[in-house]
């Protein structure tokens, strides 16, 4: 009786496995003989030639991540008529070269600035910080006219700093650049 139960258990496990292996060998052979692309007049040589023909698959574009898309959507500063606010610094107390204020902001697909904030400042008064943010808030950019770029909010960094002009006068200068850009085909993160 015990031997009979063992045999039943072995068959319960073995039969489905044997059937699965048999089907995997039998079904591919069936599909080749009934293939709609096989030439019935070619015989065995026709199916061998079909098996050797290269399979051409359409090229699928590599999926770009959001940072790569942002790097490809370089906004250019538009025609802005605003003047950069001039930061007042006590030259006797501070080195004017060390004066700077960093801001971060987003540029939407229409070229408008959003979510601007000061991310760092040295020797800049709260009034100068507010004047700098107000300046950034009113800037406009030209964003590439592609579907990808129009739907993004592109991360930008701006730097206010003092620069010596002709006649020993100091003026405040503003530079802006995207956080993500390409150098050749390499993605670069420009956090400052």
C-alpha atoms as a PDB file:
ATOM      1  CA  UNK A   1       0.000   0.000   0.000  1.00  0.00           C
ATOM      2  CA  UNK A   2       2.843   2.355   0.917  1.00  0.00           C
ATOM      3  CA  UNK A   3       4.603   1.721  -2.395  1.00  0.00           C
ATOM      4  CA  UNK A   4       1.397   2.518  -4.278  1.00  0.00           C
ATOM      5  CA  UNK A   5       1.028   5.924  -2.533  1.00  0.00           C
ATOM      6  CA  UNK A   6       4.648   6.757  -3.295  1.00  0.00           C
ATOM      7  CA  UNK A   7       4.109   5.901  -6.940  1.00  0.00           C
ATOM      8  CA  UNK A   8       0.974   8.091  -7.059  1.00  0.00           C
ATOM      9  CA  UNK A   9       2.833  11.063  -5.513  1.00  0.00           C
ATOM     10  CA  UNK A  10       5.745  10.639  -7.905  1.00  0.00           C
ATOM     11  CA  UNK A  11       3.375  10.529 -10.863  1.00  0.00           C
ATOM     12  CA  UNK A  12       1.500  13.619  -9.601  1.00  0.00           C
ATOM     13  CA  UNK A  13       4.777  15.548  -9.656  1.00  0.00           C
ATOM     14  CA  UNK A  14       6.433  13.899 -12.670  1.00  0.00           C
ATOM     15  CA  UNK A  15       3.541  13.784 -15.165  1.00  0.00           C
ATOM     16  CA  UNK A  16       2.956  17.547 -15.367  1.00  0.00           C
ATOM     17  CA  UNK A  17       6.708  18.117 -15.735  1.00  0.00           C
ATOM     18  CA  UNK A  18       7.003  15.480 -18.482  1.00  0.00           C
ATOM     19  CA  UNK A  19       3.961  16.933 -20.252  1.00  0.00           C
ATOM     20  CA  UNK A  20       5.398  20.448 -20.036  1.00  0.00           C
ATOM     21  CA  UNK A  21       8.734  19.357 -21.511  1.00  0.00           C
ATOM     22  CA  UNK A  22       6.992  17.445 -24.300  1.00  0.00           C
ATOM     23  CA  UNK A  23       4.829  20.450 -25.172  1.00  0.00           C
ATOM     24  CA  UNK A  24       7.825  22.776 -25.250  1.00  0.00           C
ATOM     25  CA  UNK A  25       9.540  20.472 -27.752  1.00  0.00           C
ATOM     26  CA  UNK A  26       6.450  19.748 -29.830  1.00  0.00           C
ATOM     27  CA  UNK A  27       4.879  23.247 -30.097  1.00  0.00           C
ATOM     28  CA  UNK A  28       7.848  25.081 -31.661  1.00  0.00           C
ATOM     29  CA  UNK A  29       8.044  22.383 -34.320  1.00  0.00           C
ATOM     30  CA  UNK A  30       4.340  22.851 -35.073  1.00  0.00           C
ATOM     31  CA  UNK A  31       4.637  26.603 -35.435  1.00  0.00           C
ATOM     32  CA  UNK A  32       7.510  26.297 -37.912  1.00  0.00           C
ATOM     33  CA  UNK A  33       5.680  23.855 -40.155  1.00  0.00           C
ATOM     34  CA  UNK A  34       2.541  26.038 -40.247  1.00  0.00           C
ATOM     35  CA  UNK A  35       4.287  29.382 -40.429  1.00  0.00           C
ATOM     36  CA  UNK A  36       2.504  31.803 -42.807  1.00  0.00           C
ATOM     37  CA  UNK A  37       5.869  33.143 -44.024  1.00  0.00           C
ATOM     38  CA  UNK A  38       7.276  29.741 -44.929  1.00  0.00           C
ATOM     39  CA  UNK A  39       7.362  28.996 -48.663  1.00  0.00           C
ATOM     40  CA  UNK A  40       5.519  25.654 -49.173  1.00  0.00           C
ATOM     41  CA  UNK A  41       7.442  24.979 -52.396  1.00  0.00           C
ATOM     42  CA  UNK A  42      10.848  25.511 -50.806  1.00  0.00           C
ATOM     43  CA  UNK A  43      10.736  22.416 -48.607  1.00  0.00           C
ATOM     44  CA  UNK A  44      13.393  22.008 -45.926  1.00  0.00           C
ATOM     45  CA  UNK A  45      15.743  24.574 -47.506  1.00  0.00           C
ATOM     46  CA  UNK A  46      13.071  27.312 -47.250  1.00  0.00           C
ATOM     47  CA  UNK A  47      12.703  26.982 -43.473  1.00  0.00           C
ATOM     48  CA  UNK A  48      16.506  26.906 -43.013  1.00  0.00           C
ATOM     49  CA  UNK A  49      16.862  30.113 -45.029  1.00  0.00           C
ATOM     50  CA  UNK A  50      14.087  31.756 -43.017  1.00  0.00           C
ATOM     51  CA  UNK A  51      15.837  30.793 -39.789  1.00  0.00           C
ATOM     52  CA  UNK A  52      19.086  32.422 -41.007  1.00  0.00           C
ATOM     53  CA  UNK A  53      17.458  35.692 -42.153  1.00  0.00           C
ATOM     54  CA  UNK A  54      18.356  38.594 -39.884  1.00  0.00           C
ATOM     55  CA  UNK A  55      15.592  39.856 -37.674  1.00  0.00           C
ATOM     56  CA  UNK A  56      15.301  43.624 -38.010  1.00  0.00           C
ATOM     57  CA  UNK A  57      13.625  45.334 -35.115  1.00  0.00           C
ATOM     58  CA  UNK A  58      12.732  48.984 -35.230  1.00  0.00           C
ATOM     59  CA  UNK A  59      15.141  51.133 -33.260  1.00  0.00           C
ATOM     60  CA  UNK A  60      13.633  52.274 -30.015  1.00  0.00           C
ATOM     61  CA  UNK A  61      14.833  55.625 -28.775  1.00  0.00           C
ATOM     62  CA  UNK A  62      16.610  55.574 -25.437  1.00  0.00           C
ATOM     63  CA  UNK A  63      14.372  56.946 -22.729  1.00  0.00           C
ATOM     64  CA  UNK A  64      15.717  60.238 -21.331  1.00  0.00           C
ATOM     65  CA  UNK A  65      15.356  60.940 -17.644  1.00  0.00           C
ATOM     66  CA  UNK A  66      13.963  64.274 -16.455  1.00  0.00           C
ATOM     67  CA  UNK A  67      17.426  65.733 -15.784  1.00  0.00           C
ATOM     68  CA  UNK A  68      18.509  64.989 -19.368  1.00  0.00           C
ATOM     69  CA  UNK A  69      15.322  66.561 -20.697  1.00  0.00           C
ATOM     70  CA  UNK A  70      15.924  69.688 -18.580  1.00  0.00           C
ATOM     71  CA  UNK A  71      19.528  69.845 -19.811  1.00  0.00           C
ATOM     72  CA  UNK A  72      18.248  69.824 -23.387  1.00  0.00           C
ATOM     73  CA  UNK A  73      15.805  72.662 -22.654  1.00  0.00           C
ATOM     74  CA  UNK A  74      18.241  75.525 -22.138  1.00  0.00           C
ATOM     75  CA  UNK A  75      16.243  78.708 -21.493  1.00  0.00           C
ATOM     76  CA  UNK A  76      17.820  81.909 -22.773  1.00  0.00           C
ATOM     77  CA  UNK A  77      17.366  85.199 -20.959  1.00  0.00           C
ATOM     78  CA  UNK A  78      14.800  87.197 -22.906  1.00  0.00           C
ATOM     79  CA  UNK A  79      14.725  90.890 -23.751  1.00  0.00           C
ATOM     80  CA  UNK A  80      14.367  92.271 -20.237  1.00  0.00           C
ATOM     81  CA  UNK A  81      14.347  96.005 -19.696  1.00  0.00           C
ATOM     82  CA  UNK A  82      14.848  95.859 -15.937  1.00  0.00           C
ATOM     83  CA  UNK A  83      18.066  97.118 -14.388  1.00  0.00           C
ATOM     84  CA  UNK A  84      19.917  94.902 -11.950  1.00  0.00           C
ATOM     85  CA  UNK A  85      19.506  96.399  -8.465  1.00  0.00           C
ATOM     86  CA  UNK A  86      22.707  97.934  -7.165  1.00  0.00           C
ATOM     87  CA  UNK A  87      23.758  96.474  -3.812  1.00  0.00           C
ATOM     88  CA  UNK A  88      25.150  99.017  -1.370  1.00  0.00           C
ATOM     89  CA  UNK A  89      28.211  97.819   0.534  1.00  0.00           C
ATOM     90  CA  UNK A  90      30.357  99.610   3.069  1.00  0.00           C
ATOM     91  CA  UNK A  91      33.730  99.476   1.276  1.00  0.00           C
ATOM     92  CA  UNK A  92      35.631 100.212   4.465  1.00  0.00           C
ATOM     93  CA  UNK A  93      34.162  97.187   6.255  1.00  0.00           C
ATOM     94  CA  UNK A  94      33.804  94.601   3.473  1.00  0.00           C
ATOM     95  CA  UNK A  95      35.693  93.425   0.428  1.00  0.00           C
ATOM     96  CA  UNK A  96      33.341  94.083  -2.475  1.00  0.00           C
ATOM     97  CA  UNK A  97      34.625  91.030  -4.357  1.00  0.00           C
ATOM     98  CA  UNK A  98      33.169  88.821  -1.597  1.00  0.00           C
ATOM     99  CA  UNK A  99      29.674  90.284  -1.977  1.00  0.00           C
ATOM    100  CA  UNK A 100      27.295  87.880  -3.638  1.00  0.00           C
ATOM    101  CA  UNK A 101      23.780  86.539  -3.463  1.00  0.00           C
ATOM    102  CA  UNK A 102      22.648  83.228  -4.930  1.00  0.00           C
ATOM    103  CA  UNK A 103      19.060  82.595  -5.921  1.00  0.00           C
ATOM    104  CA  UNK A 104      17.315  79.494  -7.170  1.00  0.00           C
ATOM    105  CA  UNK A 105      14.186  79.541  -9.278  1.00  0.00           C
ATOM    106  CA  UNK A 106      12.176  77.662 -11.868  1.00  0.00           C
ATOM    107  CA  UNK A 107      11.382  78.731 -15.421  1.00  0.00           C
ATOM    108  CA  UNK A 108       8.123  77.370 -16.841  1.00  0.00           C
ATOM    109  CA  UNK A 109       7.431  76.531 -20.495  1.00  0.00           C
ATOM    110  CA  UNK A 110       6.221  80.075 -21.151  1.00  0.00           C
ATOM    111  CA  UNK A 111       9.519  81.548 -19.901  1.00  0.00           C
ATOM    112  CA  UNK A 112       8.189  82.974 -16.640  1.00  0.00           C
ATOM    113  CA  UNK A 113      10.029  82.707 -13.319  1.00  0.00           C
ATOM    114  CA  UNK A 114       8.445  80.744 -10.474  1.00  0.00           C
ATOM    115  CA  UNK A 115       9.368  79.852  -6.873  1.00  0.00           C
ATOM    116  CA  UNK A 116      12.352  82.183  -6.544  1.00  0.00           C
ATOM    117  CA  UNK A 117      14.251  82.198  -3.253  1.00  0.00           C
ATOM    118  CA  UNK A 118      17.636  83.217  -1.840  1.00  0.00           C
ATOM    119  CA  UNK A 119      19.869  80.177  -1.382  1.00  0.00           C
ATOM    120  CA  UNK A 120      22.872  82.044   0.016  1.00  0.00           C
ATOM    121  CA  UNK A 121      24.179  85.559   0.530  1.00  0.00           C
ATOM    122  CA  UNK A 122      27.213  87.307   1.931  1.00  0.00           C
ATOM    123  CA  UNK A 123      27.126  90.906   3.166  1.00  0.00           C
ATOM    124  CA  UNK A 124      23.760  91.625   1.528  1.00  0.00           C
ATOM    125  CA  UNK A 125      21.107  93.474   3.490  1.00  0.00           C
ATOM    126  CA  UNK A 126      17.520  92.190   3.676  1.00  0.00           C
ATOM    127  CA  UNK A 127      16.442  95.147   1.511  1.00  0.00           C
ATOM    128  CA  UNK A 128      19.014  94.200  -1.159  1.00  0.00           C
ATOM    129  CA  UNK A 129      17.872  90.570  -0.976  1.00  0.00           C
ATOM    130  CA  UNK A 130      14.266  91.601  -1.577  1.00  0.00           C
ATOM    131  CA  UNK A 131      15.330  93.883  -4.452  1.00  0.00           C
ATOM    132  CA  UNK A 132      17.282  90.984  -6.004  1.00  0.00           C
ATOM    133  CA  UNK A 133      14.342  88.592  -5.690  1.00  0.00           C
ATOM    134  CA  UNK A 134      12.024  91.192  -7.184  1.00  0.00           C
ATOM    135  CA  UNK A 135      14.403  91.565 -10.135  1.00  0.00           C
ATOM    136  CA  UNK A 136      14.480  87.783 -10.726  1.00  0.00           C
ATOM    137  CA  UNK A 137      10.697  87.546 -10.321  1.00  0.00           C
ATOM    138  CA  UNK A 138      10.201  89.895 -13.294  1.00  0.00           C
ATOM    139  CA  UNK A 139      12.668  88.254 -15.690  1.00  0.00           C
ATOM    140  CA  UNK A 140      11.448  86.397 -18.768  1.00  0.00           C
ATOM    141  CA  UNK A 141      13.229  83.623 -20.637  1.00  0.00           C
ATOM    142  CA  UNK A 142      12.928  82.054 -24.070  1.00  0.00           C
ATOM    143  CA  UNK A 143      12.355  78.311 -23.748  1.00  0.00           C
ATOM    144  CA  UNK A 144      12.812  75.993 -26.768  1.00  0.00           C
ATOM    145  CA  UNK A 145       9.464  75.396 -28.467  1.00  0.00           C
ATOM    146  CA  UNK A 146       9.292  71.614 -28.070  1.00  0.00           C
ATOM    147  CA  UNK A 147       6.639  69.554 -26.320  1.00  0.00           C
ATOM    148  CA  UNK A 148       9.175  68.305 -23.756  1.00  0.00           C
ATOM    149  CA  UNK A 149      10.367  71.810 -22.867  1.00  0.00           C
ATOM    150  CA  UNK A 150       6.930  73.398 -22.792  1.00  0.00           C
ATOM    151  CA  UNK A 151       5.712  71.028 -20.074  1.00  0.00           C
ATOM    152  CA  UNK A 152       8.764  71.337 -17.792  1.00  0.00           C
ATOM    153  CA  UNK A 153       9.706  73.628 -14.973  1.00  0.00           C
ATOM    154  CA  UNK A 154      13.431  74.092 -15.559  1.00  0.00           C
ATOM    155  CA  UNK A 155      15.642  74.544 -12.486  1.00  0.00           C
ATOM    156  CA  UNK A 156      17.869  77.615 -12.632  1.00  0.00           C
ATOM    157  CA  UNK A 157      20.535  79.260 -10.463  1.00  0.00           C
ATOM    158  CA  UNK A 158      21.282  82.973 -10.455  1.00  0.00           C
ATOM    159  CA  UNK A 159      24.243  84.822  -8.961  1.00  0.00           C
ATOM    160  CA  UNK A 160      24.393  88.486  -8.052  1.00  0.00           C
ATOM    161  CA  UNK A 161      27.903  89.807  -7.490  1.00  0.00           C
ATOM    162  CA  UNK A 162      29.764  93.094  -7.564  1.00  0.00           C
ATOM    163  CA  UNK A 163      32.003  93.907 -10.490  1.00  0.00           C
ATOM    164  CA  UNK A 164      34.448  96.785 -10.849  1.00  0.00           C
ATOM    165  CA  UNK A 165      33.711  98.958 -13.853  1.00  0.00           C
ATOM    166  CA  UNK A 166      35.736 101.653 -15.611  1.00  0.00           C
ATOM    167  CA  UNK A 167      36.491 104.628 -13.380  1.00  0.00           C
ATOM    168  CA  UNK A 168      36.700 102.479 -10.222  1.00  0.00           C
ATOM    169  CA  UNK A 169      32.923 102.224  -9.956  1.00  0.00           C
ATOM    170  CA  UNK A 170      31.337  99.052  -8.625  1.00  0.00           C
ATOM    171  CA  UNK A 171      28.097  97.707 -10.027  1.00  0.00           C
ATOM    172  CA  UNK A 172      25.940  94.679  -9.305  1.00  0.00           C
ATOM    173  CA  UNK A 173      25.906  92.039 -12.044  1.00  0.00           C
ATOM    174  CA  UNK A 174      23.493  89.104 -12.428  1.00  0.00           C
ATOM    175  CA  UNK A 175      24.308  85.799 -14.169  1.00  0.00           C
ATOM    176  CA  UNK A 176      21.892  82.890 -14.546  1.00  0.00           C
ATOM    177  CA  UNK A 177      22.351  79.332 -15.748  1.00  0.00           C
ATOM    178  CA  UNK A 178      20.376  76.073 -15.675  1.00  0.00           C
ATOM    179  CA  UNK A 179      21.132  73.509 -12.984  1.00  0.00           C
ATOM    180  CA  UNK A 180      21.357  70.719 -15.597  1.00  0.00           C
ATOM    181  CA  UNK A 181      23.308  71.057 -18.831  1.00  0.00           C
ATOM    182  CA  UNK A 182      25.362  69.009 -21.283  1.00  0.00           C
ATOM    183  CA  UNK A 183      29.094  69.169 -21.922  1.00  0.00           C
ATOM    184  CA  UNK A 184      29.331  67.220 -25.142  1.00  0.00           C
ATOM    185  CA  UNK A 185      27.098  64.220 -24.459  1.00  0.00           C
ATOM    186  CA  UNK A 186      27.775  64.163 -20.705  1.00  0.00           C
ATOM    187  CA  UNK A 187      25.130  65.420 -18.253  1.00  0.00           C
ATOM    188  CA  UNK A 188      26.529  68.041 -15.866  1.00  0.00           C
ATOM    189  CA  UNK A 189      24.910  69.303 -12.665  1.00  0.00           C
ATOM    190  CA  UNK A 190      25.686  72.992 -11.960  1.00  0.00           C
ATOM    191  CA  UNK A 191      24.430  73.557  -8.412  1.00  0.00           C
ATOM    192  CA  UNK A 192      26.077  77.008  -8.027  1.00  0.00           C
END
